[in-house]
């Protein structure tokens, strides 16, 4: 009969304190290598920077540094080509790489861990990984924003209903609607870039929790790894996961905006509305109903939003009860964080593609919907107000006009002048210019308005603002007048 404690404790780097090995059940339960192995590039980068600092400080001799650099190059190649033997017995990515390094270069590999702990090592690896992920997400947001600007320019004069409560409210343009989403995603890019500043601080050097007795140079390591600053307090450095929570919060907002856009695309694609066509490559069919074309990409993105929001709640819950400093609980930060990043970047990639070349507006359907909803009613009220009628009285008069038009089955613009005059003697022939969709759009000719000229001007400003935000030299939502 095989004992559950089959391996000697000495196989572990921490095994000197223990008289028996961890059971196979506990090994499987506590191991993280199945998911944290994706940090291998960051782990190697961090270890090399640490080794070079140790050598410059005289803590590690030059021969050991050369051996470590040679061994890490070999490990990098092994992992990249799929020849690295990952072992659950070695718990995590850090021990797996360290064990292999020691096998390749001997005692030099054992000296690498001088002056650091897995606590500050993993915190450094996660920050490096997430920093790279934020950079990718911001580039994808840029592509999505550029796609929305392109749509806005092409459809700057395409009328459609603007809705409140999903009821036809007032005429807007499709281009104006697309720029509303641009605003959301530009704010998202700004939030992620701001979050990146707090990610980009170096924990390495905090060691387990109290710092180290060796004369290390944290600034050197920070400079080599591209960190803007070091974490100032060693306790906070190893136990902080605010940066991960903040990233998940920013990602949840991006996905919320994606979900809102998805909901509209799903509605707009239905035959009842038919405002847009979505290219076939972003849709699927039905296994039983041959006529179906389902908007699977928007629907799935809408569903994945709940997944990302759930990860945010999971991380908040993970951290809320932890005393200082590092606790094993923090092993549970990686899977939700990794999945958030994967979901965010995959979703942004497909949406940037879809919004660039997969969405076609159907102006005839949008105009037909405008005709059904008395969309120019507010314009008639404004017309009467300009003629001198108090707005509340104008509101009441137009309400009666809508009722008459409803009874006759016509639009407000189709009511005869005589019928309109019965509602208010202030109404003259010039009212019909006000009641057209084009007239309603043209009248909203101010910054932030929906007139075609303003939409085209806003699209030009949007490109400039996007460049400014990404270059870090312009706020996202200030408007020079």
Protein backbone atom coordinates (compact mmCIF):
# COMPACT_ATOMS: atom_id res chain seq x y z
CA UNK A 1 0.00 0.00 0.00
CA UNK A 2 1.38 3.41 -1.00
CA UNK A 3 1.51 6.10 1.65
CA UNK A 4 -0.10 9.46 0.91
CA UNK A 5 3.20 10.95 2.05
CA UNK A 6 5.39 9.35 -0.58
CA UNK A 7 8.01 12.01 -1.31
CA UNK A 8 10.68 13.31 1.05
CA UNK A 9 10.12 16.83 2.33
CA UNK A 10 13.62 17.74 1.22
CA UNK A 11 12.51 18.00 -2.44
CA UNK A 12 10.95 21.39 -1.60
CA UNK A 13 13.02 24.55 -1.26
CA UNK A 14 11.31 25.11 2.09
CA UNK A 15 11.50 21.45 3.18
CA UNK A 16 14.15 21.77 5.90
CA UNK A 17 11.58 22.64 8.55
CA UNK A 18 9.28 19.68 7.81
CA UNK A 19 9.46 16.03 8.83
CA UNK A 20 6.98 14.66 6.30
CA UNK A 21 5.94 15.57 2.80
CA UNK A 22 2.74 17.23 1.73
CA UNK A 23 0.03 14.75 0.76
CA UNK A 24 -0.86 14.34 -2.91
CA UNK A 25 -4.31 15.76 -2.19
CA UNK A 26 -2.84 18.91 -0.60
CA UNK A 27 -0.29 19.25 -3.40
CA UNK A 28 -3.07 19.29 -5.98
CA UNK A 29 -5.15 21.64 -3.85
CA UNK A 30 -2.41 24.19 -3.22
CA UNK A 31 -0.48 24.05 -6.50
CA UNK A 32 -0.83 27.01 -8.84
CA UNK A 33 1.49 26.01 -11.67
CA UNK A 34 -1.44 24.99 -13.88
CA UNK A 35 -2.42 28.64 -14.21
CA UNK A 36 0.50 30.79 -13.02
CA UNK A 37 2.88 29.24 -15.55
CA UNK A 38 1.72 31.93 -17.96
CA UNK A 39 3.91 34.30 -15.88
CA UNK A 40 7.07 32.55 -17.04
CA UNK A 41 8.34 35.37 -19.25
CA UNK A 42 7.86 37.92 -16.48
CA UNK A 43 9.44 35.56 -13.94
CA UNK A 44 12.56 35.19 -16.08
CA UNK A 45 12.75 38.95 -16.73
CA UNK A 46 12.42 39.72 -13.04
CA UNK A 47 14.98 37.11 -12.05
CA UNK A 48 17.56 38.37 -14.54
CA UNK A 49 17.15 41.95 -13.34
CA UNK A 50 17.49 40.77 -9.74
CA UNK A 51 20.60 38.72 -10.56
CA UNK A 52 22.28 41.64 -12.35
CA UNK A 53 21.60 43.90 -9.41
CA UNK A 54 23.02 41.33 -6.98
CA UNK A 55 26.16 41.08 -9.12
CA UNK A 56 26.62 44.85 -9.34
CA UNK A 57 26.21 45.10 -5.57
CA UNK A 58 28.84 42.40 -5.01
CA UNK A 59 26.32 39.98 -3.49
CA UNK A 60 26.65 37.56 -6.42
CA UNK A 61 29.94 36.96 -8.27
CA UNK A 62 30.26 37.53 -12.01
CA UNK A 63 30.68 33.82 -12.79
CA UNK A 64 27.36 33.05 -11.11
CA UNK A 65 25.66 35.84 -13.07
CA UNK A 66 26.97 34.49 -16.37
CA UNK A 67 25.76 31.00 -15.43
CA UNK A 68 22.31 32.32 -14.42
CA UNK A 69 21.96 34.28 -17.68
CA UNK A 70 23.00 31.23 -19.69
CA UNK A 71 20.59 28.98 -17.79
CA UNK A 72 17.67 31.39 -18.10
CA UNK A 73 18.24 31.65 -21.86
CA UNK A 74 18.04 27.86 -22.10
CA UNK A 75 14.88 27.76 -19.97
CA UNK A 76 13.29 30.50 -22.08
CA UNK A 77 13.91 28.45 -25.20
CA UNK A 78 12.61 25.25 -23.59
CA UNK A 79 9.36 26.86 -22.47
CA UNK A 80 8.84 28.70 -25.75
CA UNK A 81 9.26 25.48 -27.75
CA UNK A 82 7.10 23.37 -25.42
CA UNK A 83 9.95 21.22 -24.12
CA UNK A 84 9.86 22.40 -20.50
CA UNK A 85 8.68 19.81 -17.97
CA UNK A 86 6.20 21.58 -15.66
CA UNK A 87 5.75 19.77 -12.35
CA UNK A 88 2.83 20.13 -9.95
CA UNK A 89 5.17 18.85 -7.22
CA UNK A 90 7.06 22.13 -7.51
CA UNK A 91 3.91 24.14 -6.74
CA UNK A 92 4.28 27.18 -8.95
CA UNK A 93 6.03 28.85 -11.87
CA UNK A 94 8.78 30.24 -9.61
CA UNK A 95 9.90 26.92 -8.12
CA UNK A 96 9.65 25.17 -11.48
CA UNK A 97 12.00 27.66 -13.11
CA UNK A 98 14.36 27.80 -10.13
CA UNK A 99 14.59 24.00 -9.95
CA UNK A 100 15.37 23.77 -13.67
CA UNK A 101 17.93 26.57 -13.40
CA UNK A 102 19.70 24.75 -10.57
CA UNK A 103 19.74 21.57 -12.63
CA UNK A 104 21.34 23.46 -15.50
CA UNK A 105 23.90 25.64 -13.67
CA UNK A 106 24.28 24.15 -10.19
CA UNK A 107 24.85 26.29 -7.13
CA UNK A 108 24.52 29.55 -9.07
CA UNK A 109 20.83 28.72 -9.46
CA UNK A 110 20.49 28.32 -5.70
CA UNK A 111 22.08 31.73 -5.12
CA UNK A 112 19.61 33.55 -7.35
CA UNK A 113 16.98 33.77 -4.62
CA UNK A 114 19.31 35.73 -2.32
CA UNK A 115 17.61 38.87 -1.02
CA UNK A 116 14.11 38.10 -2.27
CA UNK A 117 11.05 36.00 -1.42
CA UNK A 118 8.34 34.40 -3.49
CA UNK A 119 6.10 37.07 -1.96
CA UNK A 120 7.79 40.00 -3.67
CA UNK A 121 8.69 37.85 -6.67
CA UNK A 122 5.09 36.96 -7.53
CA UNK A 123 3.91 40.52 -6.89
CA UNK A 124 6.53 41.71 -9.38
CA UNK A 125 5.61 39.09 -11.96
CA UNK A 126 1.90 39.95 -11.80
CA UNK A 127 2.59 43.65 -12.18
CA UNK A 128 4.82 43.03 -15.20
CA UNK A 129 2.21 40.75 -16.75
CA UNK A 130 -0.67 43.12 -16.12
CA UNK A 131 1.29 46.11 -17.39
CA UNK A 132 1.79 44.29 -20.69
CA UNK A 133 -1.89 43.38 -20.72
CA UNK A 134 -3.00 46.99 -20.17
CA UNK A 135 -0.80 48.12 -23.06
CA UNK A 136 -2.47 45.57 -25.33
CA UNK A 137 -5.97 46.49 -24.14
CA UNK A 138 -5.35 50.21 -24.76
CA UNK A 139 -4.19 49.50 -28.31
CA UNK A 140 -7.34 47.46 -28.90
CA UNK A 141 -9.47 50.27 -27.46
CA UNK A 142 -7.76 52.61 -29.88
CA UNK A 143 -8.74 50.37 -32.80
CA UNK A 144 -12.34 50.25 -31.57
CA UNK A 145 -12.47 54.03 -31.11
CA UNK A 146 -11.08 54.56 -34.61
CA UNK A 147 -13.72 52.21 -36.00
CA UNK A 148 -16.48 54.19 -34.26
CA UNK A 149 -15.10 57.48 -35.58
CA UNK A 150 -15.02 56.01 -39.09
CA UNK A 151 -18.66 54.95 -38.79
CA UNK A 152 -19.59 58.38 -37.46
CA UNK A 153 -17.94 60.10 -40.42
CA UNK A 154 -19.66 57.85 -42.95
CA UNK A 155 -23.07 58.17 -41.29
CA UNK A 156 -22.85 61.76 -40.06
CA UNK A 157 -26.06 62.73 -41.92
CA UNK A 158 -27.98 59.43 -41.60
CA UNK A 159 -31.15 60.16 -39.57
CA UNK A 160 -32.34 57.70 -36.96
CA UNK A 161 -34.58 57.86 -33.90
CA UNK A 162 -33.05 58.73 -30.59
CA UNK A 163 -34.79 56.80 -27.83
CA UNK A 164 -35.64 57.27 -24.19
CA UNK A 165 -37.41 54.40 -22.42
CA UNK A 166 -37.01 52.59 -25.79
CA UNK A 167 -39.66 54.96 -27.17
CA UNK A 168 -38.96 57.23 -30.14
CA UNK A 169 -37.89 60.57 -28.69
CA UNK A 170 -36.13 62.90 -31.15
CA UNK A 171 -34.25 62.65 -34.44
CA UNK A 172 -30.49 62.11 -34.18
CA UNK A 173 -27.97 60.77 -36.65
CA UNK A 174 -26.39 57.34 -36.65
CA UNK A 175 -22.99 59.04 -36.62
CA UNK A 176 -23.93 60.96 -33.47
CA UNK A 177 -25.00 57.70 -31.83
CA UNK A 178 -21.65 56.06 -32.67
CA UNK A 179 -19.76 58.98 -31.16
CA UNK A 180 -21.61 58.44 -27.87
CA UNK A 181 -19.89 55.05 -27.65
CA UNK A 182 -16.59 56.64 -28.64
CA UNK A 183 -16.90 58.83 -25.54
CA UNK A 184 -17.40 55.77 -23.34
CA UNK A 185 -14.43 53.89 -24.77
CA UNK A 186 -12.18 56.95 -24.67
CA UNK A 187 -12.90 57.27 -20.96
CA UNK A 188 -12.09 53.56 -20.64
CA UNK A 189 -8.71 54.08 -22.30
CA UNK A 190 -7.98 56.97 -19.96
CA UNK A 191 -8.94 54.87 -16.92
CA UNK A 192 -6.70 52.00 -17.99
CA UNK A 193 -3.76 54.32 -18.59
CA UNK A 194 -4.28 55.87 -15.18
CA UNK A 195 -4.49 52.40 -13.64
CA UNK A 196 -1.21 51.51 -15.38
CA UNK A 197 0.59 54.18 -13.36
CA UNK A 198 -0.28 52.39 -10.13
CA UNK A 199 0.52 48.97 -11.59
CA UNK A 200 3.96 50.20 -12.65
CA UNK A 201 5.62 50.21 -9.22
CA UNK A 202 8.24 47.67 -8.19
CA UNK A 203 7.59 45.39 -5.18
CA UNK A 204 10.86 43.46 -5.54
CA UNK A 205 13.14 44.18 -2.61
CA UNK A 206 10.38 43.88 -0.02
CA UNK A 207 11.39 40.21 0.34
CA UNK A 208 8.94 38.28 2.53
CA UNK A 209 7.50 41.35 4.29
CA UNK A 210 10.22 43.33 6.06
CA UNK A 211 12.84 43.99 3.40
CA UNK A 212 16.25 42.31 3.32
CA UNK A 213 19.55 42.58 5.14
CA UNK A 214 21.50 42.61 1.85
CA UNK A 215 22.63 45.95 0.33
CA UNK A 216 20.28 45.78 -2.64
CA UNK A 217 19.62 48.54 -5.19
CA UNK A 218 15.89 48.60 -5.88
CA UNK A 219 16.15 51.61 -8.18
CA UNK A 220 18.44 49.67 -10.51
CA UNK A 221 15.96 46.82 -10.77
CA UNK A 222 13.09 49.23 -11.31
CA UNK A 223 14.94 50.98 -14.12
CA UNK A 224 15.87 47.71 -15.86
CA UNK A 225 12.28 46.44 -15.70
CA UNK A 226 10.73 49.75 -16.74
CA UNK A 227 8.98 50.52 -13.45
CA UNK A 228 8.32 54.19 -12.72
CA UNK A 229 8.83 53.85 -8.97
CA UNK A 230 9.31 51.34 -6.16
CA UNK A 231 6.67 50.36 -3.64
CA UNK A 232 7.58 52.40 -0.58
CA UNK A 233 6.44 50.07 2.20
CA UNK A 234 7.60 46.46 2.30
CA UNK A 235 4.44 45.17 4.01
CA UNK A 236 2.19 46.83 1.45
CA UNK A 237 4.44 45.83 -1.44
CA UNK A 238 3.90 42.10 -0.95
CA UNK A 239 0.25 42.18 0.13
CA UNK A 240 -1.26 44.88 -2.09
CA UNK A 241 -3.63 43.77 -4.83
CA UNK A 242 -5.37 47.12 -5.27
CA UNK A 243 -3.83 47.40 -8.72
CA UNK A 244 -5.45 44.11 -9.77
CA UNK A 245 -8.82 45.15 -8.36
CA UNK A 246 -8.56 48.52 -10.07
CA UNK A 247 -7.78 46.83 -13.39
CA UNK A 248 -10.76 44.52 -12.99
CA UNK A 249 -12.98 47.50 -12.16
CA UNK A 250 -11.81 49.36 -15.26
CA UNK A 251 -12.31 46.19 -17.32
CA UNK A 252 -15.81 45.71 -15.94
CA UNK A 253 -16.66 49.23 -17.12
CA UNK A 254 -15.25 48.52 -20.60
CA UNK A 255 -17.34 45.37 -20.76
CA UNK A 256 -20.41 47.24 -19.50
CA UNK A 257 -20.02 49.66 -22.41
CA UNK A 258 -19.51 46.74 -24.79
CA UNK A 259 -22.67 45.17 -23.38
CA UNK A 260 -24.71 48.35 -23.94
CA UNK A 261 -23.52 48.50 -27.54
CA UNK A 262 -24.24 44.79 -27.90
CA UNK A 263 -27.79 45.23 -26.66
CA UNK A 264 -28.41 47.91 -29.27
CA UNK A 265 -26.88 45.85 -32.07
CA UNK A 266 -29.10 42.92 -31.13
CA UNK A 267 -32.18 45.15 -31.16
CA UNK A 268 -31.18 46.98 -34.32
CA UNK A 269 -30.64 43.72 -36.20
CA UNK A 270 -34.13 42.36 -35.50
CA UNK A 271 -36.54 42.45 -38.47
CA UNK A 272 -38.87 44.67 -36.39
CA UNK A 273 -36.22 47.41 -36.41
CA UNK A 274 -33.72 46.43 -39.11
CA UNK A 275 -31.50 49.47 -38.50
CA UNK A 276 -28.26 47.59 -39.26
CA UNK A 277 -26.88 44.53 -40.97
CA UNK A 278 -24.17 42.57 -39.19
CA UNK A 279 -21.77 40.74 -41.49
CA UNK A 280 -22.24 36.98 -41.68
CA UNK A 281 -18.81 36.25 -40.22
CA UNK A 282 -19.98 37.65 -36.87
CA UNK A 283 -23.22 35.65 -36.80
CA UNK A 284 -24.39 32.03 -36.73
CA UNK A 285 -27.47 30.16 -37.86
CA UNK A 286 -29.95 27.86 -36.22
CA UNK A 287 -29.76 24.06 -36.15
CA UNK A 288 -33.51 23.80 -36.83
CA UNK A 289 -34.69 27.14 -38.30
CA UNK A 290 -32.97 27.73 -41.66
CA UNK A 291 -34.03 31.39 -41.93
CA UNK A 292 -32.24 32.46 -38.74
CA UNK A 293 -29.20 34.72 -38.56
CA UNK A 294 -28.25 35.15 -34.93
CA UNK A 295 -26.02 38.00 -33.63
CA UNK A 296 -23.87 35.67 -31.58
CA UNK A 297 -20.90 38.01 -31.09
CA UNK A 298 -22.92 40.81 -29.43
CA UNK A 299 -24.97 38.30 -27.43
CA UNK A 300 -21.91 36.47 -26.14
CA UNK A 301 -20.13 39.72 -25.26
CA UNK A 302 -23.22 40.78 -23.33
CA UNK A 303 -22.99 37.51 -21.40
CA UNK A 304 -19.24 37.75 -20.80
CA UNK A 305 -19.77 41.11 -19.12
CA UNK A 306 -21.29 39.32 -16.13
CA UNK A 307 -18.24 37.09 -15.97
CA UNK A 308 -15.85 40.05 -15.72
CA UNK A 309 -18.03 41.82 -13.16
CA UNK A 310 -18.02 38.59 -11.15
CA UNK A 311 -14.22 38.52 -11.16
CA UNK A 312 -14.17 42.07 -9.76
CA UNK A 313 -16.45 41.02 -6.90
CA UNK A 314 -14.33 37.90 -6.33
CA UNK A 315 -11.13 39.94 -5.91
CA UNK A 316 -12.79 42.45 -3.60
CA UNK A 317 -14.09 39.59 -1.49
CA UNK A 318 -10.68 37.88 -1.55
CA UNK A 319 -8.95 40.91 -0.08
CA UNK A 320 -11.51 42.18 2.40
CA UNK A 321 -10.54 39.91 5.33
CA UNK A 322 -6.76 39.67 4.94
CA UNK A 323 -4.43 40.95 7.65
CA UNK A 324 -0.96 42.15 6.69
CA UNK A 325 1.14 40.90 5.08
CA UNK A 326 1.09 38.11 2.48
CA UNK A 327 -1.41 35.24 2.87
CA UNK A 328 -2.01 32.12 0.82
CA UNK A 329 -5.43 33.55 -0.07
CA UNK A 330 -3.63 35.69 -2.65
CA UNK A 331 -2.98 32.64 -4.80
CA UNK A 332 -6.64 33.02 -5.75
CA UNK A 333 -6.04 36.42 -7.35
CA UNK A 334 -4.55 35.04 -10.55
CA UNK A 335 -7.31 33.06 -12.22
CA UNK A 336 -9.93 35.85 -12.08
CA UNK A 337 -7.31 38.40 -13.09
CA UNK A 338 -6.05 36.31 -16.01
CA UNK A 339 -9.55 35.52 -17.20
CA UNK A 340 -10.54 39.19 -16.97
CA UNK A 341 -7.60 40.17 -19.16
CA UNK A 342 -8.26 37.36 -21.64
CA UNK A 343 -11.96 38.16 -21.88
CA UNK A 344 -11.34 41.89 -22.23
CA UNK A 345 -8.74 41.62 -24.97
CA UNK A 346 -10.60 38.92 -26.93
CA UNK A 347 -13.80 40.97 -26.80
CA UNK A 348 -12.12 44.22 -27.82
CA UNK A 349 -10.34 42.48 -30.68
CA UNK A 350 -13.53 41.06 -32.19
CA UNK A 351 -15.52 44.27 -31.62
CA UNK A 352 -12.86 46.43 -33.25
CA UNK A 353 -13.03 44.16 -36.29
CA UNK A 354 -16.83 44.06 -36.33
CA UNK A 355 -17.28 47.81 -35.97
CA UNK A 356 -14.62 48.50 -38.62
CA UNK A 357 -16.09 46.44 -41.43
CA UNK A 358 -18.97 44.33 -40.12
CA UNK A 359 -21.74 46.89 -39.49
CA UNK A 360 -23.84 48.37 -42.30
CA UNK A 361 -26.44 51.03 -41.58
CA UNK A 362 -29.91 50.75 -43.17
CA UNK A 363 -31.08 54.37 -43.49
CA UNK A 364 -34.50 53.49 -44.93
CA UNK A 365 -35.46 51.49 -41.84
CA UNK A 366 -34.23 54.23 -39.51
CA UNK A 367 -36.25 56.87 -41.35
CA UNK A 368 -39.35 54.69 -41.29
CA UNK A 369 -39.04 54.38 -37.52
CA UNK A 370 -38.82 58.15 -37.23
CA UNK A 371 -42.10 58.45 -39.12
CA UNK A 372 -43.81 56.17 -36.61
CA UNK A 373 -42.94 58.04 -33.44
CA UNK A 374 -43.75 61.76 -33.90
CA UNK A 375 -40.06 62.44 -33.39
CA UNK A 376 -40.32 66.15 -34.22
CA UNK A 377 -42.90 66.92 -31.51
CA UNK A 378 -40.33 68.70 -29.35
CA UNK A 379 -39.30 70.80 -32.34
CA UNK A 380 -42.93 71.94 -32.76
CA UNK A 381 -43.01 72.92 -29.08
CA UNK A 382 -39.75 74.85 -29.50
CA UNK A 383 -41.22 76.55 -32.58
CA UNK A 384 -44.23 77.77 -30.57
CA UNK A 385 -41.98 78.91 -27.73
CA UNK A 386 -39.90 80.97 -30.14
CA UNK A 387 -43.19 82.53 -31.33
CA UNK A 388 -43.85 83.69 -27.77
CA UNK A 389 -45.93 80.90 -26.23
CA UNK A 390 -44.72 79.75 -22.77
CA UNK A 391 -43.10 76.33 -23.08
CA UNK A 392 -45.62 74.57 -20.83
CA UNK A 393 -48.49 75.89 -22.97
CA UNK A 394 -46.59 74.91 -26.10
CA UNK A 395 -46.08 71.41 -24.64
CA UNK A 396 -49.83 71.05 -24.09
CA UNK A 397 -50.68 72.30 -27.59
CA UNK A 398 -48.27 69.86 -29.22
CA UNK A 399 -49.70 67.03 -27.13
CA UNK A 400 -53.09 67.81 -28.66
CA UNK A 401 -51.47 67.90 -32.13
CA UNK A 402 -49.98 64.44 -31.58
CA UNK A 403 -53.39 63.15 -30.52
CA UNK A 404 -55.00 64.52 -33.72
CA UNK A 405 -52.21 63.07 -35.88
CA UNK A 406 -52.61 59.71 -34.17
CA UNK A 407 -56.35 59.70 -34.86
CA UNK A 408 -55.75 60.56 -38.52
CA UNK A 409 -52.86 58.08 -38.85
CA UNK A 410 -50.41 60.67 -40.15
CA UNK A 411 -47.15 62.27 -39.02
CA UNK A 412 -47.11 65.78 -37.57
CA UNK A 413 -45.56 67.07 -40.80
CA UNK A 414 -48.57 65.69 -42.71
CA UNK A 415 -51.20 67.59 -40.74
CA UNK A 416 -52.80 70.40 -42.78
CA UNK A 417 -51.94 73.95 -41.78
CA UNK A 418 -55.57 74.59 -40.90
CA UNK A 419 -55.55 71.77 -38.34
CA UNK A 420 -52.34 73.08 -36.80
CA UNK A 421 -53.73 76.63 -36.61
CA UNK A 422 -56.70 75.34 -34.66
CA UNK A 423 -54.23 74.24 -31.99
CA UNK A 424 -52.44 77.61 -31.95
CA UNK A 425 -52.93 80.74 -34.06
CA UNK A 426 -49.18 81.34 -33.80
CA UNK A 427 -48.47 78.57 -36.31
CA UNK A 428 -47.57 79.80 -39.83
CA UNK A 429 -46.40 78.22 -43.11
CA UNK A 430 -42.82 78.15 -41.86
CA UNK A 431 -43.74 75.41 -39.38
CA UNK A 432 -43.26 72.65 -41.94
CA UNK A 433 -39.53 73.30 -42.22
CA UNK A 434 -39.37 72.70 -38.47
CA UNK A 435 -41.32 69.45 -38.70
CA UNK A 436 -39.00 67.72 -41.17
CA UNK A 437 -36.33 65.34 -39.89
CA UNK A 438 -33.62 67.30 -41.70
CA UNK A 439 -34.86 70.53 -40.15
CA UNK A 440 -34.85 69.00 -36.69
CA UNK A 441 -31.28 67.76 -37.15
CA UNK A 442 -29.98 71.01 -38.62
CA UNK A 443 -31.47 73.00 -35.75
CA UNK A 444 -29.22 71.28 -33.20
CA UNK A 445 -26.14 73.02 -34.48
CA UNK A 446 -23.94 73.40 -31.41
CA UNK A 447 -21.03 71.53 -29.80
CA UNK A 448 -22.36 68.17 -28.68
CA UNK A 449 -25.42 68.49 -30.93
CA UNK A 450 -26.57 66.04 -33.57
CA UNK A 451 -26.55 68.23 -36.71
CA UNK A 452 -24.50 66.57 -39.49
CA UNK A 453 -21.99 69.43 -39.49
CA UNK A 454 -21.46 69.13 -35.76
CA UNK A 455 -21.07 65.35 -36.01
CA UNK A 456 -18.37 65.73 -38.67
CA UNK A 457 -16.58 68.34 -36.56
CA UNK A 458 -16.88 66.12 -33.48
CA UNK A 459 -15.34 63.21 -35.40
CA UNK A 460 -12.32 65.37 -36.27
CA UNK A 461 -11.95 66.39 -32.63
CA UNK A 462 -12.40 62.76 -31.57
CA UNK A 463 -9.33 61.69 -33.53
CA UNK A 464 -7.29 64.48 -31.96
CA UNK A 465 -8.52 63.66 -28.46
CA UNK A 466 -7.82 59.95 -28.92
CA UNK A 467 -4.23 60.70 -29.94
CA UNK A 468 -3.86 63.09 -27.02
CA UNK A 469 -5.11 60.59 -24.45
CA UNK A 470 -2.86 57.83 -25.76
CA UNK A 471 0.12 60.18 -25.75
CA UNK A 472 -0.69 61.22 -22.19
CA UNK A 473 -0.78 64.94 -22.96
CA UNK A 474 -4.46 65.74 -23.27
CA UNK A 475 -7.52 65.12 -21.07
CA UNK A 476 -10.22 62.96 -22.61
CA UNK A 477 -13.19 65.21 -22.24
CA UNK A 478 -12.28 68.86 -22.35
CA UNK A 479 -13.68 70.85 -25.22
CA UNK A 480 -11.98 73.99 -26.47
CA UNK A 481 -14.58 76.49 -27.57
